[in-house]
Amino acid sequence: MTPQPFETFWSFSRWAEELGRTPGQRTIEVARRPASPEAADALELEEGEPVVQLLRLRLLDGVPAMIERTTFVWPVGHLLFDYDCDSGSIYAYLSGQGVDLSVARHVIDAVAADSTDASLLTTPQGTPLLRERRRTRSLTGEALEYSDDRYRPDVVSFTIENSQQSPPALLRSPN
């Protein structure tokens, strides 16, 4: 297995392409909404401040692999209204617009598929999914994005490799 550079952990498209696989996406919704309590906490905003929420199905070689539930702060998220989110990597687009998505904290756990997950991922409701929650910041520490990504574990897995001589490497792998 080839180690995955950390920066590709942010971008599903880049990761898939580096493996010689075909990434795909189907945007379900991009909407301006008031920040929920969870999003406000993650993004260090006041509850109810405007944010942009994205719901997108990600495909790996045409197979449903992951659901992105992403919330961006308004100054970043509003840029998505001028972008075809089905055309490729949102991170590449935002970076090209000058958005500094430099630092992220990832938490990986498991969650049962809800009705939306089950429908989009073509899996029974209640199926265990791998969940990666990510908070992305600029180099100056400004909170920009909060995401709750849910993966089908029969399509994608994560590997953590470490040694006493070097920092751990986290790898996302197709199954």
N, C-alpha and C. Protein backbone atom coordinates (compact mmCIF):
# COMPACT_ATOMS: atom_id res chain seq x y z
N MET A 1 0.84 -1.18 0.00
CA MET A 1 0.00 0.00 0.00
C MET A 1 0.89 1.24 0.00
N THR A 2 0.57 2.17 -0.86
CA THR A 2 1.31 3.42 -0.96
C THR A 2 0.77 4.41 0.07
N PRO A 3 1.65 4.99 0.90
CA PRO A 3 1.16 5.97 1.87
C PRO A 3 0.50 7.15 1.17
N GLN A 4 -0.53 7.65 1.77
CA GLN A 4 -1.27 8.77 1.22
C GLN A 4 -0.74 10.06 1.83
N PRO A 5 -0.30 11.02 0.99
CA PRO A 5 0.12 12.30 1.55
C PRO A 5 -1.03 12.94 2.32
N PHE A 6 -0.72 13.58 3.43
CA PHE A 6 -1.75 14.12 4.30
C PHE A 6 -2.70 15.06 3.57
N GLU A 7 -2.15 15.90 2.66
CA GLU A 7 -3.02 16.87 2.01
C GLU A 7 -4.12 16.21 1.19
N THR A 8 -3.93 14.98 0.72
CA THR A 8 -4.98 14.32 -0.04
C THR A 8 -6.08 13.79 0.85
N PHE A 9 -5.89 13.78 2.16
CA PHE A 9 -6.96 13.35 3.05
C PHE A 9 -8.12 14.34 3.00
N TRP A 10 -7.81 15.59 2.68
CA TRP A 10 -8.86 16.58 2.53
C TRP A 10 -9.65 16.37 1.25
N SER A 11 -8.99 16.03 0.17
CA SER A 11 -9.63 15.99 -1.14
C SER A 11 -9.88 14.56 -1.60
N PHE A 12 -11.13 14.16 -1.65
CA PHE A 12 -11.52 12.84 -2.12
C PHE A 12 -11.10 12.68 -3.59
N SER A 13 -11.33 13.71 -4.41
CA SER A 13 -11.00 13.64 -5.83
C SER A 13 -9.51 13.40 -6.05
N ARG A 14 -8.70 14.15 -5.37
CA ARG A 14 -7.25 14.02 -5.54
C ARG A 14 -6.77 12.65 -5.09
N TRP A 15 -7.30 12.17 -3.97
CA TRP A 15 -6.93 10.85 -3.47
C TRP A 15 -7.27 9.77 -4.49
N ALA A 16 -8.50 9.79 -5.00
CA ALA A 16 -8.94 8.78 -5.97
C ALA A 16 -8.07 8.81 -7.22
N GLU A 17 -7.81 10.00 -7.74
CA GLU A 17 -7.01 10.13 -8.96
C GLU A 17 -5.59 9.62 -8.75
N GLU A 18 -5.00 9.87 -7.59
CA GLU A 18 -3.65 9.38 -7.32
C GLU A 18 -3.59 7.85 -7.27
N LEU A 19 -4.73 7.22 -6.97
CA LEU A 19 -4.80 5.76 -6.97
C LEU A 19 -5.14 5.20 -8.34
N GLY A 20 -5.36 6.08 -9.32
CA GLY A 20 -5.76 5.64 -10.65
C GLY A 20 -7.23 5.29 -10.73
N ARG A 21 -8.00 5.75 -9.76
CA ARG A 21 -9.45 5.50 -9.72
C ARG A 21 -10.18 6.74 -10.22
N THR A 22 -11.45 6.59 -10.50
CA THR A 22 -12.25 7.70 -11.01
C THR A 22 -13.17 8.24 -9.92
N PRO A 23 -12.92 9.49 -9.49
CA PRO A 23 -13.81 10.09 -8.51
C PRO A 23 -15.06 10.62 -9.21
N GLY A 24 -16.14 10.68 -8.48
CA GLY A 24 -17.36 11.26 -9.01
C GLY A 24 -18.15 11.89 -7.89
N GLN A 25 -19.14 12.66 -8.25
CA GLN A 25 -19.94 13.34 -7.25
C GLN A 25 -21.31 13.68 -7.81
N ARG A 26 -22.26 13.74 -6.91
CA ARG A 26 -23.61 14.17 -7.24
C ARG A 26 -24.06 15.09 -6.11
N THR A 27 -24.20 16.35 -6.42
CA THR A 27 -24.62 17.32 -5.42
C THR A 27 -26.12 17.20 -5.19
N ILE A 28 -26.48 17.01 -3.96
CA ILE A 28 -27.89 16.92 -3.58
C ILE A 28 -28.42 18.30 -3.23
N GLU A 29 -27.59 19.10 -2.53
CA GLU A 29 -28.06 20.42 -2.09
C GLU A 29 -26.88 21.31 -1.73
N VAL A 30 -26.99 22.58 -2.09
CA VAL A 30 -26.12 23.65 -1.60
C VAL A 30 -27.07 24.76 -1.18
N ALA A 31 -27.02 25.14 0.10
CA ALA A 31 -28.01 26.09 0.60
C ALA A 31 -27.42 27.00 1.67
N ARG A 32 -27.91 28.24 1.69
CA ARG A 32 -27.59 29.16 2.77
C ARG A 32 -28.59 28.89 3.89
N ARG A 33 -28.06 28.73 5.09
CA ARG A 33 -28.91 28.45 6.26
C ARG A 33 -28.33 29.16 7.48
N PRO A 34 -29.13 29.29 8.53
CA PRO A 34 -28.59 29.76 9.81
C PRO A 34 -27.78 28.63 10.44
N ALA A 35 -26.66 28.97 11.04
CA ALA A 35 -25.80 27.97 11.67
C ALA A 35 -26.54 27.24 12.79
N SER A 36 -26.52 25.92 12.73
CA SER A 36 -27.08 25.09 13.80
C SER A 36 -26.18 25.20 15.02
N PRO A 37 -26.64 24.76 16.18
CA PRO A 37 -25.76 24.80 17.36
C PRO A 37 -24.44 24.04 17.13
N GLU A 38 -24.51 22.87 16.50
CA GLU A 38 -23.28 22.08 16.25
C GLU A 38 -22.34 22.82 15.30
N ALA A 39 -22.87 23.35 14.19
CA ALA A 39 -22.04 24.06 13.23
C ALA A 39 -21.47 25.34 13.84
N ALA A 40 -22.29 26.06 14.59
CA ALA A 40 -21.83 27.30 15.22
C ALA A 40 -20.67 27.01 16.18
N ASP A 41 -20.79 25.94 16.95
CA ASP A 41 -19.72 25.56 17.86
C ASP A 41 -18.45 25.20 17.10
N ALA A 42 -18.58 24.38 16.07
CA ALA A 42 -17.42 23.93 15.30
C ALA A 42 -16.74 25.08 14.56
N LEU A 43 -17.54 26.03 14.10
CA LEU A 43 -17.01 27.13 13.29
C LEU A 43 -16.79 28.42 14.09
N GLU A 44 -17.01 28.34 15.40
CA GLU A 44 -16.80 29.47 16.29
C GLU A 44 -17.64 30.68 15.86
N LEU A 45 -18.91 30.40 15.57
CA LEU A 45 -19.86 31.43 15.17
C LEU A 45 -20.97 31.53 16.20
N GLU A 46 -21.76 32.57 16.09
CA GLU A 46 -22.98 32.67 16.89
C GLU A 46 -24.03 31.80 16.22
N GLU A 47 -24.81 31.08 17.02
CA GLU A 47 -25.90 30.28 16.47
C GLU A 47 -26.80 31.17 15.63
N GLY A 48 -27.16 30.70 14.44
CA GLY A 48 -28.03 31.45 13.56
C GLY A 48 -27.31 32.31 12.53
N GLU A 49 -25.99 32.51 12.69
CA GLU A 49 -25.25 33.25 11.66
C GLU A 49 -25.35 32.49 10.34
N PRO A 50 -25.32 33.20 9.21
CA PRO A 50 -25.45 32.51 7.92
C PRO A 50 -24.22 31.65 7.61
N VAL A 51 -24.49 30.46 7.13
CA VAL A 51 -23.47 29.51 6.67
C VAL A 51 -23.99 28.90 5.37
N VAL A 52 -23.11 28.18 4.68
CA VAL A 52 -23.50 27.45 3.49
C VAL A 52 -23.32 25.97 3.77
N GLN A 53 -24.40 25.22 3.57
CA GLN A 53 -24.36 23.77 3.79
C GLN A 53 -24.42 23.05 2.46
N LEU A 54 -23.62 22.00 2.37
CA LEU A 54 -23.51 21.19 1.16
C LEU A 54 -23.80 19.74 1.52
N LEU A 55 -24.62 19.09 0.74
CA LEU A 55 -24.85 17.65 0.85
C LEU A 55 -24.49 17.08 -0.51
N ARG A 56 -23.48 16.18 -0.53
CA ARG A 56 -22.98 15.66 -1.80
C ARG A 56 -22.62 14.20 -1.66
N LEU A 57 -23.03 13.40 -2.62
CA LEU A 57 -22.67 11.99 -2.70
C LEU A 57 -21.38 11.89 -3.49
N ARG A 58 -20.40 11.15 -2.96
CA ARG A 58 -19.13 10.92 -3.66
C ARG A 58 -19.09 9.48 -4.14
N LEU A 59 -18.57 9.32 -5.35
CA LEU A 59 -18.49 8.02 -6.00
C LEU A 59 -17.05 7.65 -6.24
N LEU A 60 -16.75 6.37 -6.18
CA LEU A 60 -15.43 5.84 -6.51
C LEU A 60 -15.65 4.81 -7.60
N ASP A 61 -15.17 5.12 -8.81
CA ASP A 61 -15.41 4.27 -9.99
C ASP A 61 -16.89 4.00 -10.18
N GLY A 62 -17.71 5.02 -9.95
CA GLY A 62 -19.15 4.92 -10.15
C GLY A 62 -19.93 4.31 -9.01
N VAL A 63 -19.25 3.85 -7.96
CA VAL A 63 -19.89 3.20 -6.82
C VAL A 63 -20.06 4.23 -5.70
N PRO A 64 -21.27 4.35 -5.11
CA PRO A 64 -21.44 5.26 -3.96
C PRO A 64 -20.47 4.89 -2.84
N ALA A 65 -19.66 5.86 -2.43
CA ALA A 65 -18.61 5.58 -1.44
C ALA A 65 -18.73 6.43 -0.18
N MET A 66 -19.22 7.66 -0.32
CA MET A 66 -19.18 8.58 0.81
C MET A 66 -20.21 9.68 0.63
N ILE A 67 -20.72 10.16 1.74
CA ILE A 67 -21.61 11.33 1.75
C ILE A 67 -20.89 12.45 2.49
N GLU A 68 -20.85 13.61 1.86
CA GLU A 68 -20.30 14.81 2.49
C GLU A 68 -21.46 15.64 3.02
N ARG A 69 -21.38 15.97 4.29
CA ARG A 69 -22.29 16.94 4.90
C ARG A 69 -21.39 18.04 5.41
N THR A 70 -21.24 19.07 4.62
CA THR A 70 -20.24 20.10 4.91
C THR A 70 -20.90 21.45 5.15
N THR A 71 -20.38 22.16 6.14
CA THR A 71 -20.84 23.51 6.44
C THR A 71 -19.64 24.45 6.34
N PHE A 72 -19.79 25.49 5.53
CA PHE A 72 -18.74 26.50 5.37
C PHE A 72 -19.21 27.81 5.98
N VAL A 73 -18.26 28.58 6.52
CA VAL A 73 -18.59 29.94 6.94
C VAL A 73 -19.02 30.70 5.68
N TRP A 74 -19.88 31.70 5.85
CA TRP A 74 -20.45 32.41 4.72
C TRP A 74 -19.40 32.97 3.75
N PRO A 75 -18.32 33.65 4.23
CA PRO A 75 -17.36 34.22 3.28
C PRO A 75 -16.71 33.18 2.35
N VAL A 76 -16.66 31.93 2.77
CA VAL A 76 -16.12 30.85 1.93
C VAL A 76 -17.25 30.18 1.16
N GLY A 77 -18.28 29.79 1.85
CA GLY A 77 -19.35 29.01 1.25
C GLY A 77 -20.08 29.71 0.13
N HIS A 78 -20.25 31.03 0.22
CA HIS A 78 -21.00 31.72 -0.85
C HIS A 78 -20.33 31.56 -2.21
N LEU A 79 -19.03 31.26 -2.23
CA LEU A 79 -18.31 31.04 -3.50
C LEU A 79 -18.86 29.82 -4.24
N LEU A 80 -19.47 28.88 -3.51
CA LEU A 80 -19.99 27.66 -4.14
C LEU A 80 -21.22 27.93 -5.00
N PHE A 81 -21.89 29.05 -4.79
CA PHE A 81 -23.06 29.37 -5.60
C PHE A 81 -22.68 29.71 -7.05
N ASP A 82 -21.40 30.00 -7.28
CA ASP A 82 -20.89 30.27 -8.63
C ASP A 82 -20.09 29.11 -9.19
N TYR A 83 -20.22 27.93 -8.58
CA TYR A 83 -19.42 26.77 -8.98
C TYR A 83 -20.33 25.57 -9.19
N ASP A 84 -20.04 24.79 -10.20
CA ASP A 84 -20.75 23.53 -10.42
C ASP A 84 -20.10 22.47 -9.54
N CYS A 85 -20.71 22.19 -8.39
CA CYS A 85 -20.13 21.26 -7.42
C CYS A 85 -20.05 19.84 -7.94
N ASP A 86 -20.68 19.54 -9.07
CA ASP A 86 -20.57 18.22 -9.68
C ASP A 86 -19.38 18.13 -10.64
N SER A 87 -18.68 19.24 -10.83
CA SER A 87 -17.60 19.26 -11.82
C SER A 87 -16.26 18.79 -11.27
N GLY A 88 -16.13 18.61 -9.94
CA GLY A 88 -14.86 18.15 -9.40
C GLY A 88 -14.64 18.56 -7.97
N SER A 89 -13.40 18.77 -7.63
CA SER A 89 -12.98 19.03 -6.26
C SER A 89 -13.36 20.43 -5.80
N ILE A 90 -14.16 20.50 -4.76
CA ILE A 90 -14.51 21.78 -4.16
C ILE A 90 -13.27 22.42 -3.54
N TYR A 91 -12.43 21.61 -2.91
CA TYR A 91 -11.21 22.15 -2.30
C TYR A 91 -10.31 22.79 -3.34
N ALA A 92 -10.16 22.15 -4.50
CA ALA A 92 -9.33 22.72 -5.57
C ALA A 92 -9.93 24.05 -6.03
N TYR A 93 -11.24 24.08 -6.20
CA TYR A 93 -11.91 25.32 -6.61
C TYR A 93 -11.71 26.42 -5.57
N LEU A 94 -11.99 26.12 -4.31
CA LEU A 94 -11.87 27.14 -3.27
C LEU A 94 -10.42 27.62 -3.14
N SER A 95 -9.47 26.71 -3.21
CA SER A 95 -8.05 27.09 -3.16
C SER A 95 -7.72 28.02 -4.32
N GLY A 96 -8.25 27.73 -5.50
CA GLY A 96 -8.05 28.59 -6.66
C GLY A 96 -8.67 29.96 -6.51
N GLN A 97 -9.65 30.08 -5.62
CA GLN A 97 -10.29 31.35 -5.32
C GLN A 97 -9.58 32.09 -4.18
N GLY A 98 -8.46 31.53 -3.72
CA GLY A 98 -7.67 32.18 -2.68
C GLY A 98 -8.04 31.79 -1.26
N VAL A 99 -8.88 30.77 -1.09
CA VAL A 99 -9.26 30.33 0.25
C VAL A 99 -8.13 29.48 0.83
N ASP A 100 -7.72 29.79 2.03
CA ASP A 100 -6.62 29.10 2.72
C ASP A 100 -7.17 27.96 3.57
N LEU A 101 -7.18 26.76 3.01
CA LEU A 101 -7.65 25.56 3.72
C LEU A 101 -6.43 24.75 4.15
N SER A 102 -5.67 25.30 5.07
CA SER A 102 -4.35 24.75 5.38
C SER A 102 -4.30 23.73 6.51
N VAL A 103 -5.16 23.85 7.50
CA VAL A 103 -5.04 23.05 8.70
C VAL A 103 -6.37 22.36 8.99
N ALA A 104 -6.30 21.06 9.29
CA ALA A 104 -7.54 20.35 9.60
C ALA A 104 -7.33 19.39 10.75
N ARG A 105 -8.38 19.19 11.49
CA ARG A 105 -8.41 18.19 12.56
C ARG A 105 -9.47 17.18 12.18
N HIS A 106 -9.10 15.91 12.16
CA HIS A 106 -10.00 14.83 11.75
C HIS A 106 -10.30 13.93 12.94
N VAL A 107 -11.56 13.60 13.12
CA VAL A 107 -11.98 12.64 14.14
C VAL A 107 -12.71 11.53 13.39
N ILE A 108 -12.29 10.29 13.60
CA ILE A 108 -12.89 9.16 12.90
C ILE A 108 -13.58 8.27 13.92
N ASP A 109 -14.85 7.95 13.64
CA ASP A 109 -15.61 7.04 14.48
C ASP A 109 -16.61 6.30 13.60
N ALA A 110 -17.59 5.69 14.18
CA ALA A 110 -18.61 4.95 13.43
C ALA A 110 -19.97 5.51 13.78
N VAL A 111 -20.88 5.39 12.83
CA VAL A 111 -22.25 5.85 13.02
C VAL A 111 -23.17 4.95 12.19
N ALA A 112 -24.39 4.77 12.65
CA ALA A 112 -25.36 3.98 11.89
C ALA A 112 -25.95 4.83 10.77
N ALA A 113 -26.12 4.23 9.60
CA ALA A 113 -26.70 4.94 8.46
C ALA A 113 -28.11 5.40 8.78
N ASP A 114 -28.37 6.70 8.61
CA ASP A 114 -29.73 7.20 8.76
C ASP A 114 -30.44 7.01 7.42
N SER A 115 -31.66 7.49 7.30
CA SER A 115 -32.43 7.25 6.07
C SER A 115 -31.78 7.91 4.86
N THR A 116 -31.20 9.11 5.02
CA THR A 116 -30.52 9.78 3.92
C THR A 116 -29.28 9.00 3.50
N ASP A 117 -28.47 8.59 4.49
CA ASP A 117 -27.28 7.79 4.20
C ASP A 117 -27.66 6.53 3.44
N ALA A 118 -28.65 5.82 3.95
CA ALA A 118 -29.06 4.54 3.37
C ALA A 118 -29.51 4.72 1.92
N SER A 119 -30.29 5.74 1.67
CA SER A 119 -30.78 5.98 0.32
C SER A 119 -29.66 6.32 -0.64
N LEU A 120 -28.80 7.26 -0.26
CA LEU A 120 -27.73 7.70 -1.15
C LEU A 120 -26.62 6.67 -1.32
N LEU A 121 -26.29 5.96 -0.25
CA LEU A 121 -25.19 4.99 -0.31
C LEU A 121 -25.67 3.59 -0.72
N THR A 122 -26.95 3.45 -0.99
CA THR A 122 -27.55 2.17 -1.38
C THR A 122 -27.18 1.06 -0.41
N THR A 123 -27.45 1.33 0.85
CA THR A 123 -27.16 0.39 1.93
C THR A 123 -28.35 0.42 2.89
N PRO A 124 -28.60 -0.65 3.63
CA PRO A 124 -29.75 -0.63 4.55
C PRO A 124 -29.58 0.41 5.67
N GLN A 125 -30.70 0.99 6.09
CA GLN A 125 -30.67 1.90 7.23
C GLN A 125 -30.14 1.14 8.43
N GLY A 126 -29.31 1.80 9.22
CA GLY A 126 -28.70 1.17 10.39
C GLY A 126 -27.35 0.53 10.11
N THR A 127 -26.96 0.42 8.83
CA THR A 127 -25.66 -0.14 8.48
C THR A 127 -24.56 0.70 9.12
N PRO A 128 -23.55 0.08 9.74
CA PRO A 128 -22.43 0.86 10.28
C PRO A 128 -21.65 1.56 9.17
N LEU A 129 -21.39 2.83 9.36
CA LEU A 129 -20.59 3.62 8.43
C LEU A 129 -19.40 4.19 9.17
N LEU A 130 -18.30 4.40 8.45
CA LEU A 130 -17.16 5.11 9.01
C LEU A 130 -17.45 6.60 8.86
N ARG A 131 -17.29 7.34 9.95
CA ARG A 131 -17.55 8.78 9.91
C ARG A 131 -16.26 9.53 10.18
N GLU A 132 -15.99 10.50 9.35
CA GLU A 132 -14.85 11.39 9.56
C GLU A 132 -15.40 12.80 9.72
N ARG A 133 -15.20 13.37 10.91
CA ARG A 133 -15.60 14.76 11.15
C ARG A 133 -14.34 15.61 11.06
N ARG A 134 -14.44 16.68 10.28
CA ARG A 134 -13.27 17.51 10.00
C ARG A 134 -13.59 18.97 10.28
N ARG A 135 -12.65 19.62 10.94
CA ARG A 135 -12.70 21.07 11.12
C ARG A 135 -11.48 21.63 10.40
N THR A 136 -11.73 22.51 9.45
CA THR A 136 -10.65 23.07 8.65
C THR A 136 -10.49 24.54 8.99
N ARG A 137 -9.23 24.94 9.10
CA ARG A 137 -8.87 26.32 9.45
C ARG A 137 -7.85 26.86 8.46
N SER A 138 -7.73 28.17 8.47
CA SER A 138 -6.66 28.83 7.71
C SER A 138 -5.38 28.74 8.53
N LEU A 139 -4.27 29.12 7.91
CA LEU A 139 -3.00 29.14 8.65
C LEU A 139 -3.05 30.07 9.85
N THR A 140 -3.88 31.11 9.78
CA THR A 140 -3.99 32.05 10.88
C THR A 140 -4.97 31.58 11.96
N GLY A 141 -5.59 30.40 11.74
CA GLY A 141 -6.47 29.82 12.76
C GLY A 141 -7.95 30.10 12.59
N GLU A 142 -8.32 30.78 11.51
CA GLU A 142 -9.73 31.09 11.28
C GLU A 142 -10.50 29.84 10.87
N ALA A 143 -11.57 29.52 11.59
CA ALA A 143 -12.40 28.36 11.26
C ALA A 143 -13.15 28.63 9.95
N LEU A 144 -13.06 27.67 9.01
CA LEU A 144 -13.65 27.86 7.69
C LEU A 144 -14.67 26.80 7.31
N GLU A 145 -14.47 25.57 7.79
CA GLU A 145 -15.32 24.45 7.36
C GLU A 145 -15.48 23.44 8.48
N TYR A 146 -16.68 22.87 8.53
CA TYR A 146 -16.95 21.73 9.39
C TYR A 146 -17.63 20.69 8.52
N SER A 147 -17.14 19.46 8.55
CA SER A 147 -17.71 18.42 7.70
C SER A 147 -17.94 17.15 8.48
N ASP A 148 -19.02 16.47 8.14
CA ASP A 148 -19.37 15.16 8.69
C ASP A 148 -19.49 14.24 7.48
N ASP A 149 -18.40 13.53 7.15
CA ASP A 149 -18.35 12.66 5.98
C ASP A 149 -18.57 11.22 6.42
N ARG A 150 -19.41 10.51 5.68
CA ARG A 150 -19.77 9.14 6.04
C ARG A 150 -19.44 8.20 4.90
N TYR A 151 -18.60 7.21 5.21
CA TYR A 151 -18.07 6.28 4.21
C TYR A 151 -18.67 4.89 4.36
N ARG A 152 -18.91 4.25 3.22
CA ARG A 152 -19.26 2.83 3.23
C ARG A 152 -17.99 2.05 3.53
N PRO A 153 -17.94 1.28 4.62
CA PRO A 153 -16.70 0.59 4.98
C PRO A 153 -16.36 -0.58 4.04
N ASP A 154 -17.30 -0.99 3.20
CA ASP A 154 -16.97 -2.03 2.22
C ASP A 154 -16.33 -1.42 0.97
N VAL A 155 -16.28 -0.08 0.90
CA VAL A 155 -15.69 0.60 -0.25
C VAL A 155 -14.40 1.34 0.14
N VAL A 156 -14.37 1.93 1.34
CA VAL A 156 -13.24 2.72 1.80
C VAL A 156 -12.90 2.34 3.23
N SER A 157 -11.61 2.27 3.53
CA SER A 157 -11.18 2.05 4.91
C SER A 157 -10.04 3.02 5.23
N PHE A 158 -9.73 3.14 6.50
CA PHE A 158 -8.65 4.01 6.96
C PHE A 158 -7.61 3.17 7.66
N THR A 159 -6.36 3.51 7.45
CA THR A 159 -5.25 2.82 8.10
C THR A 159 -4.36 3.86 8.76
N ILE A 160 -3.97 3.61 9.99
CA ILE A 160 -3.01 4.47 10.67
C ILE A 160 -1.72 3.69 10.80
N GLU A 161 -0.66 4.25 10.26
CA GLU A 161 0.65 3.61 10.34
C GLU A 161 1.56 4.51 11.15
N ASN A 162 2.23 3.93 12.14
CA ASN A 162 3.14 4.75 12.94
C ASN A 162 4.37 3.95 13.33
N SER A 163 5.36 4.69 13.80
CA SER A 163 6.57 4.09 14.34
C SER A 163 7.10 5.05 15.39
N GLN A 164 8.01 4.56 16.18
CA GLN A 164 8.57 5.43 17.21
C GLN A 164 9.52 6.47 16.61
N GLN A 165 9.96 6.24 15.38
CA GLN A 165 10.90 7.15 14.74
C GLN A 165 10.24 8.25 13.91
N SER A 166 8.96 8.11 13.59
CA SER A 166 8.32 9.12 12.76
C SER A 166 6.87 9.31 13.19
N PRO A 167 6.29 10.46 12.83
CA PRO A 167 4.90 10.71 13.19
C PRO A 167 3.97 9.74 12.46
N PRO A 168 2.79 9.50 13.01
CA PRO A 168 1.85 8.57 12.37
C PRO A 168 1.36 9.11 11.03
N ALA A 169 1.06 8.19 10.13
CA ALA A 169 0.46 8.53 8.84
C ALA A 169 -0.91 7.89 8.78
N LEU A 170 -1.90 8.65 8.38
CA LEU A 170 -3.26 8.15 8.25
C LEU A 170 -3.53 7.90 6.78
N LEU A 171 -3.99 6.72 6.44
CA LEU A 171 -4.24 6.36 5.05
C LEU A 171 -5.69 6.01 4.85
N ARG A 172 -6.26 6.49 3.76
CA ARG A 172 -7.61 6.10 3.35
C ARG A 172 -7.40 5.13 2.21
N SER A 173 -8.06 3.98 2.23
CA SER A 173 -7.84 2.94 1.24
C SER A 173 -9.14 2.46 0.65
N PRO A 174 -9.15 2.19 -0.66
CA PRO A 174 -10.32 1.55 -1.25
C PRO A 174 -10.31 0.08 -0.87
N ASN A 175 -11.46 -0.49 -0.67
CA ASN A 175 -11.54 -1.91 -0.33
C ASN A 175 -11.82 -2.72 -1.57
